[in-house]
Amino acid sequence: MKQSYKYKNFTYILDGNHEVVTDPASSLPQSVYKYYSNSKNSLDALLNSYLYATHPYSFNDSIDSSDLLLNFDKITFDRYLSFFKRTLKPEEFEKFNYEEMFEVDKKESFAGIRKFFYEYFTRNLGIISLTTEPINILMWSHYSSESGFLIELEANCLINNLRKNNTDIKNYCFRPVQYVDQLESIEVFQDGFTTPDVAFLYMTNVKRSEWSYEEEWRLAVYKTDMGIPFNYLLPGAKDYSGSEERKVYYSRDCVKSLIIGKYFFNGKNCDKLNEDRSIVITNPDFLNLVNYLIENHNDKLFMSGELQKGNKFGRSVSKIQIDKVDDNTFKLVDLEEVFTKE
């Protein structure tokens, strides 16, 4: 049964698959980009060709995809009872007085079922935040501290190979984020809704307009049972591990370019800058990364930097290659192809 919810110029649709339609229509971008910091997890993601499908508890905006955006005011007792009967094991279900629980929850704006409902469904959901903006000073600063890197992925290749590379994915939805001046909750059990899918699709796709500079596209993946990072919010809370991992693998052929930050080679991971501008590296992890770049992406490697015209500054991306002098010494070669944004 097709279900939909129109909010401003976005329509959220459930019709077997999850779909988001915009007015005017949004065409699939040719490329999407993922910013990374220079961290152990980021390097592992690059070396093993995967994107991490995040649980909303780990988002840097606490209201982004929050359970507070779900409204249960219209839930009936029958639906309340039915939800717990479907989600709890029989021996657990028998422990509670649901008429009493319903009345108490109702007085508290259904905070109890909202929290349980949210956590029950988000263990099956992972969100990958991507962007269509590769030369953005705020993005480089916020997500890579200028020392990380940026992967450009061909969007069609990523989507077309999604299930081929990830047999555990049950469903997915790739769509642009909706930016609004004022966030509003959605009634989960409004007329015409027989499942929470449409409400969750809206809830995980609407962000405050302050974030619009990110030009975000979201890839949401649905698996059977992924982890929930409770400890991210509450000290001492035990994380739920789940049975499926939050890693989403992609084909290396989907990588169109890899852009390193202007401080990618820095004093924390490199030992020395020689007079001929060659760089000495002994850090084993960083050495492994640099060798990986040479072997796999040297023909599509770029470096982020600054562009100066007179007394004005902008951003630039320059094509480079890394030449290996010896096992520990490397040199950056400027190929004199520059892309700018003033």
C-alpha atoms as a PDB file:
ATOM      1  CA  MET A   1       0.000   0.000   0.000  1.00  0.00           C
ATOM      2  CA  LYS A   2       1.449   3.336  -1.078  1.00  0.00           C
ATOM      3  CA  GLN A   3       1.800   5.923   1.682  1.00  0.00           C
ATOM      4  CA  SER A   4       3.161   9.460   1.384  1.00  0.00           C
ATOM      5  CA  TYR A   5       3.695  12.650   3.341  1.00  0.00           C
ATOM      6  CA  LYS A   6       4.208  16.047   1.703  1.00  0.00           C
ATOM      7  CA  TYR A   7       6.172  18.624   3.695  1.00  0.00           C
ATOM      8  CA  LYS A   8       6.776  21.920   1.919  1.00  0.00           C
ATOM      9  CA  ASN A   9       8.437  20.984  -1.404  1.00  0.00           C
ATOM     10  CA  PHE A  10       9.472  17.447  -0.390  1.00  0.00           C
ATOM     11  CA  THR A  11       7.285  14.325  -0.571  1.00  0.00           C
ATOM     12  CA  TYR A  12       8.237  11.237   1.435  1.00  0.00           C
ATOM     13  CA  ILE A  13       6.923   8.025  -0.096  1.00  0.00           C
ATOM     14  CA  LEU A  14       6.668   4.362   0.885  1.00  0.00           C
ATOM     15  CA  ASP A  15       5.689   2.132  -2.024  1.00  0.00           C
ATOM     16  CA  GLY A  16       7.649  -1.055  -1.490  1.00  0.00           C
ATOM     17  CA  ASN A  17      10.830   1.013  -1.479  1.00  0.00           C
ATOM     18  CA  HIS A  18      11.579   4.303   0.270  1.00  0.00           C
ATOM     19  CA  GLU A  19      11.560   7.363  -1.973  1.00  0.00           C
ATOM     20  CA  VAL A  20      11.915  11.129  -1.640  1.00  0.00           C
ATOM     21  CA  VAL A  21      10.594  13.423  -4.384  1.00  0.00           C
ATOM     22  CA  THR A  22      11.345  17.144  -4.552  1.00  0.00           C
ATOM     23  CA  ASP A  23       9.597  19.982  -6.380  1.00  0.00           C
ATOM     24  CA  PRO A  24      11.338  21.010  -8.556  1.00  0.00           C
ATOM     25  CA  ALA A  25      12.814  17.564  -9.151  1.00  0.00           C
ATOM     26  CA  SER A  26      16.340  16.825  -7.922  1.00  0.00           C
ATOM     27  CA  SER A  27      18.450  14.882 -10.383  1.00  0.00           C
ATOM     28  CA  LEU A  28      21.003  12.390  -9.170  1.00  0.00           C
ATOM     29  CA  PRO A  29      24.379  14.164  -8.879  1.00  0.00           C
ATOM     30  CA  GLN A  30      27.238  12.851 -10.998  1.00  0.00           C
ATOM     31  CA  SER A  31      29.550  12.842  -7.967  1.00  0.00           C
ATOM     32  CA  VAL A  32      29.179  12.820  -4.210  1.00  0.00           C
ATOM     33  CA  TYR A  33      31.955  13.514  -1.724  1.00  0.00           C
ATOM     34  CA  LYS A  34      32.858  12.237   1.724  1.00  0.00           C
ATOM     35  CA  TYR A  35      35.072  14.306   4.043  1.00  0.00           C
ATOM     36  CA  TYR A  36      37.318  12.468   6.501  1.00  0.00           C
ATOM     37  CA  SER A  37      39.554  13.453   9.379  1.00  0.00           C
ATOM     38  CA  ASN A  38      43.050  11.982   9.593  1.00  0.00           C
ATOM     39  CA  SER A  39      42.073   9.337  12.163  1.00  0.00           C
ATOM     40  CA  LYS A  40      42.469   5.600  12.613  1.00  0.00           C
ATOM     41  CA  ASN A  41      38.821   4.915  11.708  1.00  0.00           C
ATOM     42  CA  SER A  42      39.003   7.139   8.625  1.00  0.00           C
ATOM     43  CA  LEU A  43      42.138   5.438   7.359  1.00  0.00           C
ATOM     44  CA  ASP A  44      40.574   2.030   7.893  1.00  0.00           C
ATOM     45  CA  ALA A  45      37.511   3.119   5.889  1.00  0.00           C
ATOM     46  CA  LEU A  46      39.698   4.272   3.008  1.00  0.00           C
ATOM     47  CA  LEU A  47      42.007   1.249   2.967  1.00  0.00           C
ATOM     48  CA  ASN A  48      39.080  -1.178   3.065  1.00  0.00           C
ATOM     49  CA  SER A  49      36.719   0.766   0.746  1.00  0.00           C
ATOM     50  CA  TYR A  50      33.703   1.245   2.983  1.00  0.00           C
ATOM     51  CA  LEU A  51      31.428   4.026   4.229  1.00  0.00           C
ATOM     52  CA  TYR A  52      30.186   3.954   7.821  1.00  0.00           C
ATOM     53  CA  ALA A  53      26.404   4.040   8.193  1.00  0.00           C
ATOM     54  CA  THR A  54      26.014   6.123  11.345  1.00  0.00           C
ATOM     55  CA  HIS A  55      23.345   5.849  14.021  1.00  0.00           C
ATOM     56  CA  PRO A  56      21.748   9.283  14.659  1.00  0.00           C
ATOM     57  CA  TYR A  57      23.021   9.279  18.260  1.00  0.00           C
ATOM     58  CA  SER A  58      26.477  10.009  16.804  1.00  0.00           C
ATOM     59  CA  PHE A  59      25.420  13.061  14.756  1.00  0.00           C
ATOM     60  CA  ASN A  60      27.009  16.422  15.560  1.00  0.00           C
ATOM     61  CA  ASP A  61      23.577  18.107  15.605  1.00  0.00           C
ATOM     62  CA  SER A  62      21.576  16.692  18.530  1.00  0.00           C
ATOM     63  CA  ILE A  63      18.185  17.409  16.928  1.00  0.00           C
ATOM     64  CA  ASP A  64      19.138  15.859  13.569  1.00  0.00           C
ATOM     65  CA  SER A  65      17.032  12.683  13.177  1.00  0.00           C
ATOM     66  CA  SER A  66      16.077  12.962  16.862  1.00  0.00           C
ATOM     67  CA  ASP A  67      13.190  11.043  18.414  1.00  0.00           C
ATOM     68  CA  LEU A  68      11.806  14.459  19.430  1.00  0.00           C
ATOM     69  CA  LEU A  69      10.650  14.840  15.811  1.00  0.00           C
ATOM     70  CA  LEU A  70       8.232  11.930  16.286  1.00  0.00           C
ATOM     71  CA  ASN A  71       4.785  12.796  17.635  1.00  0.00           C
ATOM     72  CA  PHE A  72       2.553  10.096  19.123  1.00  0.00           C
ATOM     73  CA  ASP A  73      -0.443  12.227  20.122  1.00  0.00           C
ATOM     74  CA  LYS A  74      -2.834  10.313  17.835  1.00  0.00           C
ATOM     75  CA  ILE A  75      -1.859   6.812  18.901  1.00  0.00           C
ATOM     76  CA  THR A  76      -4.799   4.744  20.147  1.00  0.00           C
ATOM     77  CA  PHE A  77      -4.619   2.197  22.934  1.00  0.00           C
ATOM     78  CA  ASP A  78      -5.158  -0.616  20.415  1.00  0.00           C
ATOM     79  CA  ARG A  79      -2.159   0.510  18.386  1.00  0.00           C
ATOM     80  CA  TYR A  80      -0.134   1.038  21.542  1.00  0.00           C
ATOM     81  CA  LEU A  81      -0.880  -2.513  22.667  1.00  0.00           C
ATOM     82  CA  SER A  82      -0.307  -3.946  19.192  1.00  0.00           C
ATOM     83  CA  PHE A  83       3.144  -2.359  18.906  1.00  0.00           C
ATOM     84  CA  PHE A  84       4.428  -3.901  22.130  1.00  0.00           C
ATOM     85  CA  LYS A  85       2.862  -7.256  21.287  1.00  0.00           C
ATOM     86  CA  ARG A  86       4.731  -7.321  17.953  1.00  0.00           C
ATOM     87  CA  THR A  87       8.080  -6.143  19.300  1.00  0.00           C
ATOM     88  CA  LEU A  88       8.424  -7.873  22.666  1.00  0.00           C
ATOM     89  CA  LYS A  89       9.004 -11.558  23.271  1.00  0.00           C
ATOM     90  CA  PRO A  90       5.885 -13.286  24.697  1.00  0.00           C
ATOM     91  CA  GLU A  91       7.450 -13.712  28.139  1.00  0.00           C
ATOM     92  CA  GLU A  92       8.384 -10.007  28.194  1.00  0.00           C
ATOM     93  CA  PHE A  93       5.032  -8.834  26.894  1.00  0.00           C
ATOM     94  CA  GLU A  94       3.157 -10.545  29.739  1.00  0.00           C
ATOM     95  CA  LYS A  95       5.013  -8.538  32.406  1.00  0.00           C
ATOM     96  CA  PHE A  96       3.199  -5.221  31.943  1.00  0.00           C
ATOM     97  CA  ASN A  97      -0.199  -3.661  32.592  1.00  0.00           C
ATOM     98  CA  TYR A  98      -0.669  -1.844  29.300  1.00  0.00           C
ATOM     99  CA  GLU A  99      -3.816   0.089  30.192  1.00  0.00           C
ATOM    100  CA  GLU A 100      -2.007   1.653  33.140  1.00  0.00           C
ATOM    101  CA  MET A 101       1.188   2.151  31.131  1.00  0.00           C
ATOM    102  CA  PHE A 102      -0.758   3.845  28.321  1.00  0.00           C
ATOM    103  CA  GLU A 103      -2.372   6.367  30.686  1.00  0.00           C
ATOM    104  CA  VAL A 104       0.950   7.219  32.353  1.00  0.00           C
ATOM    105  CA  ASP A 105       2.698   7.531  28.983  1.00  0.00           C
ATOM    106  CA  LYS A 106      -0.101   9.742  27.657  1.00  0.00           C
ATOM    107  CA  LYS A 107       0.425  12.224  30.504  1.00  0.00           C
ATOM    108  CA  GLU A 108       4.109  12.379  29.572  1.00  0.00           C
ATOM    109  CA  SER A 109       3.455  13.058  25.867  1.00  0.00           C
ATOM    110  CA  PHE A 110       4.178   9.380  25.124  1.00  0.00           C
ATOM    111  CA  ALA A 111       7.885   9.813  25.887  1.00  0.00           C
ATOM    112  CA  GLY A 112       8.141   6.141  26.891  1.00  0.00           C
ATOM    113  CA  ILE A 113       6.886   4.559  23.692  1.00  0.00           C
ATOM    114  CA  ARG A 114       8.615   7.236  21.604  1.00  0.00           C
ATOM    115  CA  LYS A 115      12.015   6.300  23.026  1.00  0.00           C
ATOM    116  CA  PHE A 116      11.397   2.550  22.759  1.00  0.00           C
ATOM    117  CA  PHE A 117       9.926   2.924  19.273  1.00  0.00           C
ATOM    118  CA  TYR A 118      12.872   5.042  18.092  1.00  0.00           C
ATOM    119  CA  GLU A 119      15.546   2.684  19.382  1.00  0.00           C
ATOM    120  CA  TYR A 120      13.720  -0.400  18.110  1.00  0.00           C
ATOM    121  CA  PHE A 121      13.677   0.937  14.542  1.00  0.00           C
ATOM    122  CA  THR A 122      17.017   2.812  14.426  1.00  0.00           C
ATOM    123  CA  ARG A 123      18.914  -0.404  15.106  1.00  0.00           C
ATOM    124  CA  ASN A 124      17.894  -1.281  11.532  1.00  0.00           C
ATOM    125  CA  LEU A 125      18.914   2.106  10.115  1.00  0.00           C
ATOM    126  CA  GLY A 126      22.278   3.599   9.155  1.00  0.00           C
ATOM    127  CA  ILE A 127      22.858   7.000   7.557  1.00  0.00           C
ATOM    128  CA  ILE A 128      25.790   7.988   5.362  1.00  0.00           C
ATOM    129  CA  SER A 129      26.197  11.751   4.973  1.00  0.00           C
ATOM    130  CA  LEU A 130      27.628  12.849   1.629  1.00  0.00           C
ATOM    131  CA  THR A 131      27.895  16.208  -0.111  1.00  0.00           C
ATOM    132  CA  THR A 132      28.018  17.650  -3.617  1.00  0.00           C
ATOM    133  CA  GLU A 133      30.456  20.391  -2.507  1.00  0.00           C
ATOM    134  CA  PRO A 134      34.197  19.547  -2.737  1.00  0.00           C
ATOM    135  CA  ILE A 135      35.745  23.009  -2.248  1.00  0.00           C
ATOM    136  CA  ASN A 136      34.210  24.363   0.946  1.00  0.00           C
ATOM    137  CA  ILE A 137      36.312  25.938   3.680  1.00  0.00           C
ATOM    138  CA  LEU A 138      33.750  25.148   6.387  1.00  0.00           C
ATOM    139  CA  MET A 139      33.565  21.478   5.412  1.00  0.00           C
ATOM    140  CA  TRP A 140      37.349  21.140   5.270  1.00  0.00           C
ATOM    141  CA  SER A 141      37.622  22.813   8.673  1.00  0.00           C
ATOM    142  CA  HIS A 142      34.757  21.010  10.422  1.00  0.00           C
ATOM    143  CA  TYR A 143      35.237  17.490   9.107  1.00  0.00           C
ATOM    144  CA  SER A 144      38.915  17.161   8.279  1.00  0.00           C
ATOM    145  CA  SER A 145      40.698  19.955  10.210  1.00  0.00           C
ATOM    146  CA  GLU A 146      42.499  20.578   6.879  1.00  0.00           C
ATOM    147  CA  SER A 147      44.662  17.511   7.597  1.00  0.00           C
ATOM    148  CA  GLY A 148      42.256  14.808   6.439  1.00  0.00           C
ATOM    149  CA  PHE A 149      41.066  13.865   2.981  1.00  0.00           C
ATOM    150  CA  LEU A 150      38.058  13.856   0.691  1.00  0.00           C
ATOM    151  CA  ILE A 151      36.843  10.998  -1.502  1.00  0.00           C
ATOM    152  CA  GLU A 152      34.892  11.695  -4.682  1.00  0.00           C
ATOM    153  CA  LEU A 153      32.549   8.828  -5.572  1.00  0.00           C
ATOM    154  CA  GLU A 154      30.623   8.390  -8.805  1.00  0.00           C
ATOM    155  CA  ALA A 155      27.029   8.379  -7.560  1.00  0.00           C
ATOM    156  CA  ASN A 156      25.640   5.934 -10.128  1.00  0.00           C
ATOM    157  CA  CYS A 157      28.460   3.478  -9.502  1.00  0.00           C
ATOM    158  CA  LEU A 158      27.953   3.679  -5.740  1.00  0.00           C
ATOM    159  CA  ILE A 159      24.199   3.051  -5.929  1.00  0.00           C
ATOM    160  CA  ASN A 160      24.284   0.438  -8.684  1.00  0.00           C
ATOM    161  CA  ASN A 161      26.812  -1.685  -6.792  1.00  0.00           C
ATOM    162  CA  LEU A 162      25.324  -1.173  -3.334  1.00  0.00           C
ATOM    163  CA  ARG A 163      23.615  -4.531  -2.891  1.00  0.00           C
ATOM    164  CA  LYS A 164      26.247  -6.370  -4.923  1.00  0.00           C
ATOM    165  CA  ASN A 165      28.900  -5.357  -2.397  1.00  0.00           C
ATOM    166  CA  ASN A 166      26.590  -5.641   0.650  1.00  0.00           C
ATOM    167  CA  THR A 167      24.333  -8.682   0.682  1.00  0.00           C
ATOM    168  CA  ASP A 168      23.055  -7.753   4.169  1.00  0.00           C
ATOM    169  CA  ILE A 169      21.340  -4.561   2.957  1.00  0.00           C
ATOM    170  CA  LYS A 170      17.555  -5.041   2.872  1.00  0.00           C
ATOM    171  CA  ASN A 171      16.669  -1.642   1.449  1.00  0.00           C
ATOM    172  CA  TYR A 172      18.125   1.827   0.903  1.00  0.00           C
ATOM    173  CA  CYS A 173      17.166   5.392   0.017  1.00  0.00           C
ATOM    174  CA  PHE A 174      19.429   8.031  -1.552  1.00  0.00           C
ATOM    175  CA  ARG A 175      18.110  11.583  -1.463  1.00  0.00           C
ATOM    176  CA  PRO A 176      18.955  15.261  -0.863  1.00  0.00           C
ATOM    177  CA  VAL A 177      18.442  16.673   2.631  1.00  0.00           C
ATOM    178  CA  GLN A 178      15.534  19.051   3.205  1.00  0.00           C
ATOM    179  CA  TYR A 179      16.654  22.286   4.905  1.00  0.00           C
ATOM    180  CA  VAL A 180      14.035  24.265   6.826  1.00  0.00           C
ATOM    181  CA  ASP A 181      14.006  27.406   8.979  1.00  0.00           C
ATOM    182  CA  GLN A 182      11.961  25.709  11.698  1.00  0.00           C
ATOM    183  CA  LEU A 183      11.896  22.010  12.535  1.00  0.00           C
ATOM    184  CA  GLU A 184       8.490  20.414  13.089  1.00  0.00           C
ATOM    185  CA  SER A 185       7.583  16.988  14.416  1.00  0.00           C
ATOM    186  CA  ILE A 186       5.566  14.474  12.415  1.00  0.00           C
ATOM    187  CA  GLU A 187       2.550  12.540  13.686  1.00  0.00           C
ATOM    188  CA  VAL A 188       3.622   8.883  13.426  1.00  0.00           C
ATOM    189  CA  PHE A 189       0.097   7.465  13.464  1.00  0.00           C
ATOM    190  CA  GLN A 190      -1.703  10.050  11.370  1.00  0.00           C
ATOM    191  CA  ASP A 191      -4.504   8.989   9.029  1.00  0.00           C
ATOM    192  CA  GLY A 192      -3.237   6.844   6.160  1.00  0.00           C
ATOM    193  CA  PHE A 193      -0.074   5.653   7.911  1.00  0.00           C
ATOM    194  CA  THR A 194      -0.046   1.914   8.563  1.00  0.00           C
ATOM    195  CA  THR A 195       3.716   1.749   9.267  1.00  0.00           C
ATOM    196  CA  PRO A 196       6.279   4.164  10.772  1.00  0.00           C
ATOM    197  CA  ASP A 197       8.439   4.123   7.611  1.00  0.00           C
ATOM    198  CA  VAL A 198       7.236   7.420   6.140  1.00  0.00           C
ATOM    199  CA  ALA A 199       7.603   9.217   9.469  1.00  0.00           C
ATOM    200  CA  PHE A 200      11.135   7.850   9.862  1.00  0.00           C
ATOM    201  CA  LEU A 201      12.000   8.859   6.296  1.00  0.00           C
ATOM    202  CA  TYR A 202      10.953  12.447   7.038  1.00  0.00           C
ATOM    203  CA  MET A 203      12.538  12.504  10.501  1.00  0.00           C
ATOM    204  CA  THR A 204      15.940  11.414   9.165  1.00  0.00           C
ATOM    205  CA  ASN A 205      15.962  13.871   6.269  1.00  0.00           C
ATOM    206  CA  VAL A 206      14.999  17.276   7.640  1.00  0.00           C
ATOM    207  CA  LYS A 207      17.637  19.656   9.019  1.00  0.00           C
ATOM    208  CA  ARG A 208      17.798  23.276  10.107  1.00  0.00           C
ATOM    209  CA  SER A 209      18.738  25.775   7.381  1.00  0.00           C
ATOM    210  CA  GLU A 210      21.948  26.678   9.233  1.00  0.00           C
ATOM    211  CA  TRP A 211      23.364  23.444   7.789  1.00  0.00           C
ATOM    212  CA  SER A 212      22.434  24.182   4.176  1.00  0.00           C
ATOM    213  CA  TYR A 213      26.010  25.071   3.245  1.00  0.00           C
ATOM    214  CA  GLU A 214      26.763  21.329   3.441  1.00  0.00           C
ATOM    215  CA  GLU A 215      24.583  20.588   0.379  1.00  0.00           C
ATOM    216  CA  GLU A 216      24.064  17.133   1.833  1.00  0.00           C
ATOM    217  CA  TRP A 217      22.789  14.005   0.152  1.00  0.00           C
ATOM    218  CA  ARG A 218      21.964  11.107   2.443  1.00  0.00           C
ATOM    219  CA  LEU A 219      22.287   7.430   1.763  1.00  0.00           C
ATOM    220  CA  ALA A 220      20.151   5.558   4.285  1.00  0.00           C
ATOM    221  CA  VAL A 221      20.636   1.796   4.459  1.00  0.00           C
ATOM    222  CA  TYR A 222      18.411  -0.704   6.198  1.00  0.00           C
ATOM    223  CA  LYS A 223      19.767  -3.924   7.677  1.00  0.00           C
ATOM    224  CA  THR A 224      18.328  -6.483  10.085  1.00  0.00           C
ATOM    225  CA  ASP A 225      20.038  -5.564  13.339  1.00  0.00           C
ATOM    226  CA  MET A 226      22.849  -2.997  13.754  1.00  0.00           C
ATOM    227  CA  GLY A 227      24.368  -1.524  16.874  1.00  0.00           C
ATOM    228  CA  ILE A 228      23.199   1.487  18.924  1.00  0.00           C
ATOM    229  CA  PRO A 229      25.867   3.681  20.613  1.00  0.00           C
ATOM    230  CA  PHE A 230      24.071   4.403  23.917  1.00  0.00           C
ATOM    231  CA  ASN A 231      27.384   5.285  25.571  1.00  0.00           C
ATOM    232  CA  TYR A 232      27.749   8.212  23.175  1.00  0.00           C
ATOM    233  CA  LEU A 233      24.940   9.953  25.077  1.00  0.00           C
ATOM    234  CA  LEU A 234      24.970   8.568  28.618  1.00  0.00           C
ATOM    235  CA  PRO A 235      28.068   7.930  30.789  1.00  0.00           C
ATOM    236  CA  GLY A 236      28.264   4.274  31.778  1.00  0.00           C
ATOM    237  CA  ALA A 237      25.521   3.177  29.378  1.00  0.00           C
ATOM    238  CA  LYS A 238      26.194  -0.095  27.595  1.00  0.00           C
ATOM    239  CA  ASP A 239      26.187  -0.014  23.800  1.00  0.00           C
ATOM    240  CA  TYR A 240      23.955  -2.408  21.889  1.00  0.00           C
ATOM    241  CA  SER A 241      26.238  -4.338  19.532  1.00  0.00           C
ATOM    242  CA  GLY A 242      23.696  -5.877  17.138  1.00  0.00           C
ATOM    243  CA  SER A 243      24.356  -8.718  14.732  1.00  0.00           C
ATOM    244  CA  GLU A 244      25.103  -6.684  11.557  1.00  0.00           C
ATOM    245  CA  GLU A 245      27.955  -4.226  11.046  1.00  0.00           C
ATOM    246  CA  ARG A 246      27.405  -0.598  10.040  1.00  0.00           C
ATOM    247  CA  LYS A 247      29.993  -0.751   7.264  1.00  0.00           C
ATOM    248  CA  VAL A 248      28.779  -0.286   3.685  1.00  0.00           C
ATOM    249  CA  TYR A 249      31.339  -1.427   1.125  1.00  0.00           C
ATOM    250  CA  TYR A 250      31.836   0.164  -2.291  1.00  0.00           C
ATOM    251  CA  SER A 251      33.809  -0.812  -5.368  1.00  0.00           C
ATOM    252  CA  ARG A 252      37.180   0.929  -5.692  1.00  0.00           C
ATOM    253  CA  ASP A 253      36.195   1.633  -9.301  1.00  0.00           C
ATOM    254  CA  CYS A 254      33.641   4.133  -7.961  1.00  0.00           C
ATOM    255  CA  VAL A 255      36.407   6.443  -6.693  1.00  0.00           C
ATOM    256  CA  LYS A 256      36.814   9.302  -9.205  1.00  0.00           C
ATOM    257  CA  SER A 257      39.321  11.333  -7.196  1.00  0.00           C
ATOM    258  CA  LEU A 258      40.891  11.616  -3.784  1.00  0.00           C
ATOM    259  CA  ILE A 259      41.724  15.059  -2.387  1.00  0.00           C
ATOM    260  CA  ILE A 260      44.117  15.396   0.540  1.00  0.00           C
ATOM    261  CA  GLY A 261      44.044  18.364   2.921  1.00  0.00           C
ATOM    262  CA  LYS A 262      46.732  21.033   2.753  1.00  0.00           C
ATOM    263  CA  TYR A 263      48.087  19.808   6.121  1.00  0.00           C
ATOM    264  CA  PHE A 264      47.771  16.108   5.289  1.00  0.00           C
ATOM    265  CA  PHE A 265      51.557  15.768   5.538  1.00  0.00           C
ATOM    266  CA  ASN A 266      52.266  17.295   8.941  1.00  0.00           C
ATOM    267  CA  GLY A 267      54.618  17.046  11.911  1.00  0.00           C
ATOM    268  CA  LYS A 268      52.459  14.449  13.652  1.00  0.00           C
ATOM    269  CA  ASN A 269      52.776  11.849  10.922  1.00  0.00           C
ATOM    270  CA  CYS A 270      55.950  12.900   9.085  1.00  0.00           C
ATOM    271  CA  ASP A 271      59.518  13.112  10.445  1.00  0.00           C
ATOM    272  CA  LYS A 272      61.322  15.591   8.258  1.00  0.00           C
ATOM    273  CA  LEU A 273      61.075  17.960   5.322  1.00  0.00           C
ATOM    274  CA  ASN A 274      64.319  17.819   3.308  1.00  0.00           C
ATOM    275  CA  GLU A 275      65.889  20.751   1.464  1.00  0.00           C
ATOM    276  CA  ASP A 276      64.619  19.353  -1.855  1.00  0.00           C
ATOM    277  CA  ARG A 277      61.071  19.398  -0.377  1.00  0.00           C
ATOM    278  CA  SER A 278      60.937  15.593  -0.106  1.00  0.00           C
ATOM    279  CA  ILE A 279      59.234  14.205   2.999  1.00  0.00           C
ATOM    280  CA  VAL A 280      60.583  11.529   5.343  1.00  0.00           C
ATOM    281  CA  ILE A 281      58.001   9.213   6.942  1.00  0.00           C
ATOM    282  CA  THR A 282      58.594   6.429   9.475  1.00  0.00           C
ATOM    283  CA  ASN A 283      55.140   6.266  11.115  1.00  0.00           C
ATOM    284  CA  PRO A 284      54.042   2.749  10.019  1.00  0.00           C
ATOM    285  CA  ASP A 285      50.318   3.529   9.732  1.00  0.00           C
ATOM    286  CA  PHE A 286      50.845   6.722   7.743  1.00  0.00           C
ATOM    287  CA  LEU A 287      53.515   5.019   5.638  1.00  0.00           C
ATOM    288  CA  ASN A 288      51.001   2.306   4.782  1.00  0.00           C
ATOM    289  CA  LEU A 289      48.463   4.960   3.789  1.00  0.00           C
ATOM    290  CA  VAL A 290      50.869   6.859   1.527  1.00  0.00           C
ATOM    291  CA  ASN A 291      51.902   3.626  -0.216  1.00  0.00           C
ATOM    292  CA  TYR A 292      48.215   2.786  -0.673  1.00  0.00           C
ATOM    293  CA  LEU A 293      47.610   6.168  -2.323  1.00  0.00           C
ATOM    294  CA  ILE A 294      50.533   5.654  -4.685  1.00  0.00           C
ATOM    295  CA  GLU A 295      49.455   2.137  -5.662  1.00  0.00           C
ATOM    296  CA  ASN A 296      45.727   2.809  -6.047  1.00  0.00           C
ATOM    297  CA  HIS A 297      44.958   6.502  -6.572  1.00  0.00           C
ATOM    298  CA  ASN A 298      48.089   8.305  -7.792  1.00  0.00           C
ATOM    299  CA  ASP A 299      46.448   9.043 -11.149  1.00  0.00           C
ATOM    300  CA  LYS A 300      43.450  10.741  -9.478  1.00  0.00           C
ATOM    301  CA  LEU A 301      45.113  12.507  -6.561  1.00  0.00           C
ATOM    302  CA  PHE A 302      44.560  16.181  -5.672  1.00  0.00           C
ATOM    303  CA  MET A 303      45.556  18.536  -2.870  1.00  0.00           C
ATOM    304  CA  SER A 304      43.417  21.222  -1.236  1.00  0.00           C
ATOM    305  CA  GLY A 305      44.944  24.673  -0.785  1.00  0.00           C
ATOM    306  CA  GLU A 306      44.510  28.433  -0.880  1.00  0.00           C
ATOM    307  CA  LEU A 307      44.211  30.685  -3.916  1.00  0.00           C
ATOM    308  CA  GLN A 308      45.565  34.242  -3.724  1.00  0.00           C
ATOM    309  CA  LYS A 309      44.729  36.938  -6.255  1.00  0.00           C
ATOM    310  CA  GLY A 310      46.211  40.228  -5.182  1.00  0.00           C
ATOM    311  CA  ASN A 311      44.957  40.827  -1.664  1.00  0.00           C
ATOM    312  CA  LYS A 312      42.042  38.409  -1.977  1.00  0.00           C
ATOM    313  CA  PHE A 313      41.920  34.724  -1.062  1.00  0.00           C
ATOM    314  CA  GLY A 314      39.848  31.754  -2.217  1.00  0.00           C
ATOM    315  CA  ARG A 315      40.151  27.976  -2.242  1.00  0.00           C
ATOM    316  CA  SER A 316      41.904  25.770  -4.752  1.00  0.00           C
ATOM    317  CA  VAL A 317      42.377  22.084  -5.560  1.00  0.00           C
ATOM    318  CA  SER A 318      45.536  21.097  -7.450  1.00  0.00           C
ATOM    319  CA  LYS A 319      46.274  17.819  -9.207  1.00  0.00           C
ATOM    320  CA  ILE A 320      49.376  16.122  -7.802  1.00  0.00           C
ATOM    321  CA  GLN A 321      51.175  12.820  -7.756  1.00  0.00           C
ATOM    322  CA  ILE A 322      53.368  11.285  -5.071  1.00  0.00           C
ATOM    323  CA  ASP A 323      56.786  10.056  -6.189  1.00  0.00           C
ATOM    324  CA  LYS A 324      58.496   7.430  -4.048  1.00  0.00           C
ATOM    325  CA  VAL A 325      62.192   8.238  -3.582  1.00  0.00           C
ATOM    326  CA  ASP A 326      62.911   5.302  -1.264  1.00  0.00           C
ATOM    327  CA  ASP A 327      61.033   3.244   1.351  1.00  0.00           C
ATOM    328  CA  ASN A 328      60.679   6.239   3.675  1.00  0.00           C
ATOM    329  CA  THR A 329      61.062   9.273   1.426  1.00  0.00           C
ATOM    330  CA  PHE A 330      58.386  10.781  -0.815  1.00  0.00           C
ATOM    331  CA  LYS A 331      58.014  13.855  -2.978  1.00  0.00           C
ATOM    332  CA  LEU A 332      54.864  15.721  -4.027  1.00  0.00           C
ATOM    333  CA  VAL A 333      54.772  16.673  -7.700  1.00  0.00           C
ATOM    334  CA  ASP A 334      52.508  19.527  -8.785  1.00  0.00           C
ATOM    335  CA  LEU A 335      50.925  18.599 -12.127  1.00  0.00           C
ATOM    336  CA  GLU A 336      49.785  22.211 -12.644  1.00  0.00           C
ATOM    337  CA  GLU A 337      46.082  21.504 -13.005  1.00  0.00           C
ATOM    338  CA  VAL A 338      44.209  23.842 -10.666  1.00  0.00           C
ATOM    339  CA  PHE A 339      40.489  24.099  -9.861  1.00  0.00           C
ATOM    340  CA  THR A 340      39.382  27.161  -7.890  1.00  0.00           C
ATOM    341  CA  LYS A 341      36.523  28.660  -5.926  1.00  0.00           C
ATOM    342  CA  GLU A 342      36.768  32.332  -5.025  1.00  0.00           C
END
